[in-house]
Amino acid sequence: ALVKKAAALNLAGENVARPLKHPKAPIPMPADFRAALSGTGAAKAAFDGFAPGRQRDYLEWITEAKSAATRAKRIATAVEWLAEGKPRNWKYQRK
């Protein structure tokens, strides 16, 4: 019965969203990163245009910094890359 119901849904073109097995908790945007993004319109537009996973990559990278100097350097690098529209691991993507 379940297979027939699934086949009918497929023929009707309906997609049923499945809940995530292990949803990740959202990472709050740090205030200093938000301030740096607000100063650059292109970087903010690129960040807002990214999928949640790519946004999460940047947020995890910035919040994992242990010292304030490292965090400031990562924020500056992130804003630079975002202004160019690059995702976090852009070096490893196929061209």
Protein backbone atom coordinates (compact mmCIF):
# COMPACT_ATOMS: atom_id res chain seq x y z
CA ALA A 1 0.00 0.00 0.00
CA LEU A 2 2.83 2.40 0.81
CA VAL A 3 4.59 1.65 -2.48
CA LYS A 4 1.40 2.36 -4.43
CA LYS A 5 0.89 5.60 -2.52
CA ALA A 6 4.50 6.64 -3.23
CA ALA A 7 4.11 5.76 -6.91
CA ALA A 8 0.93 7.84 -7.12
CA LEU A 9 2.73 10.80 -5.55
CA ASN A 10 5.60 10.43 -8.02
CA LEU A 11 3.25 10.33 -10.98
CA ALA A 12 1.45 13.41 -9.69
CA GLY A 13 4.81 15.21 -9.52
CA GLU A 14 4.60 15.92 -5.80
CA ASN A 15 7.75 15.98 -3.72
CA VAL A 16 7.40 15.38 -0.03
CA ALA A 17 10.13 17.00 2.05
CA ARG A 18 11.81 14.72 4.53
CA PRO A 19 12.85 16.05 7.91
CA LEU A 20 16.59 16.13 8.55
CA LYS A 21 17.90 13.24 10.59
CA HIS A 22 20.33 15.38 12.56
CA PRO A 23 19.58 19.06 12.04
CA LYS A 24 22.41 21.40 12.96
CA ALA A 25 21.76 24.22 15.35
CA PRO A 26 22.02 27.63 13.69
CA ILE A 27 25.16 29.62 14.37
CA PRO A 28 24.44 33.21 15.41
CA MET A 29 26.24 35.85 13.37
CA PRO A 30 29.00 37.51 15.42
CA ALA A 31 28.55 41.26 15.85
CA ASP A 32 32.01 42.10 14.53
CA PHE A 33 31.44 40.05 11.36
CA ARG A 34 28.03 41.67 10.86
CA ALA A 35 29.62 45.11 11.19
CA ALA A 36 32.34 44.22 8.68
CA LEU A 37 29.74 42.93 6.21
CA SER A 38 27.56 46.01 6.56
CA GLY A 39 30.49 48.17 5.46
CA THR A 40 30.76 46.33 2.14
CA GLY A 41 27.59 45.99 0.10
CA ALA A 42 29.00 43.42 -2.34
CA ALA A 43 30.20 41.15 0.45
CA LYS A 44 26.86 41.32 2.28
CA ALA A 45 24.94 40.58 -0.94
CA ALA A 46 27.18 37.60 -1.69
CA PHE A 47 26.84 36.23 1.85
CA ASP A 48 23.05 36.62 1.81
CA GLY A 49 22.90 34.94 -1.60
CA PHE A 50 24.79 31.86 -0.44
CA ALA A 51 23.05 28.66 0.58
CA PRO A 52 22.80 28.06 4.34
CA GLY A 53 25.64 25.52 4.21
CA ARG A 54 28.04 28.00 2.64
CA GLN A 55 27.04 30.67 5.14
CA ARG A 56 27.66 28.14 7.90
CA ASP A 57 31.16 27.45 6.54
CA TYR A 58 32.10 31.09 6.98
CA LEU A 59 30.45 31.41 10.40
CA GLU A 60 32.13 28.26 11.75
CA TRP A 61 35.51 29.37 10.44
CA ILE A 62 35.23 32.77 12.10
CA THR A 63 33.81 31.57 15.43
CA GLU A 64 36.41 28.79 15.79
CA ALA A 65 39.25 31.34 16.05
CA LYS A 66 40.80 31.23 19.49
CA SER A 67 42.50 34.61 19.62
CA ALA A 68 41.14 38.04 18.77
CA ALA A 69 43.93 38.63 16.25
CA THR A 70 43.12 35.45 14.38
CA ARG A 71 39.44 36.28 14.40
CA ALA A 72 40.07 39.78 13.03
CA LYS A 73 42.31 38.37 10.29
CA ARG A 74 39.69 35.78 9.33
CA ILE A 75 36.96 38.42 9.21
CA ALA A 76 39.09 40.60 6.93
CA THR A 77 39.83 37.63 4.66
CA ALA A 78 36.17 36.58 4.62
CA VAL A 79 34.99 40.05 3.65
CA GLU A 80 37.59 40.16 0.87
CA TRP A 81 36.55 36.75 -0.50
CA LEU A 82 32.84 37.55 -0.17
CA ALA A 83 33.30 40.83 -2.06
CA GLU A 84 34.64 38.68 -4.91
CA GLY A 85 31.70 36.26 -4.53
CA LYS A 86 33.88 33.35 -3.45
CA PRO A 87 32.66 30.58 -1.14
CA ARG A 88 34.80 29.62 1.84
CA ASN A 89 36.68 26.74 0.19
CA TRP A 90 36.91 28.27 -3.27
CA LYS A 91 40.49 27.09 -3.75
CA TYR A 92 39.42 23.47 -3.87
CA GLN A 93 36.52 23.76 -6.29
CA ARG A 94 36.77 22.58 -9.85
CA LYS A 95 36.92 25.33 -12.40
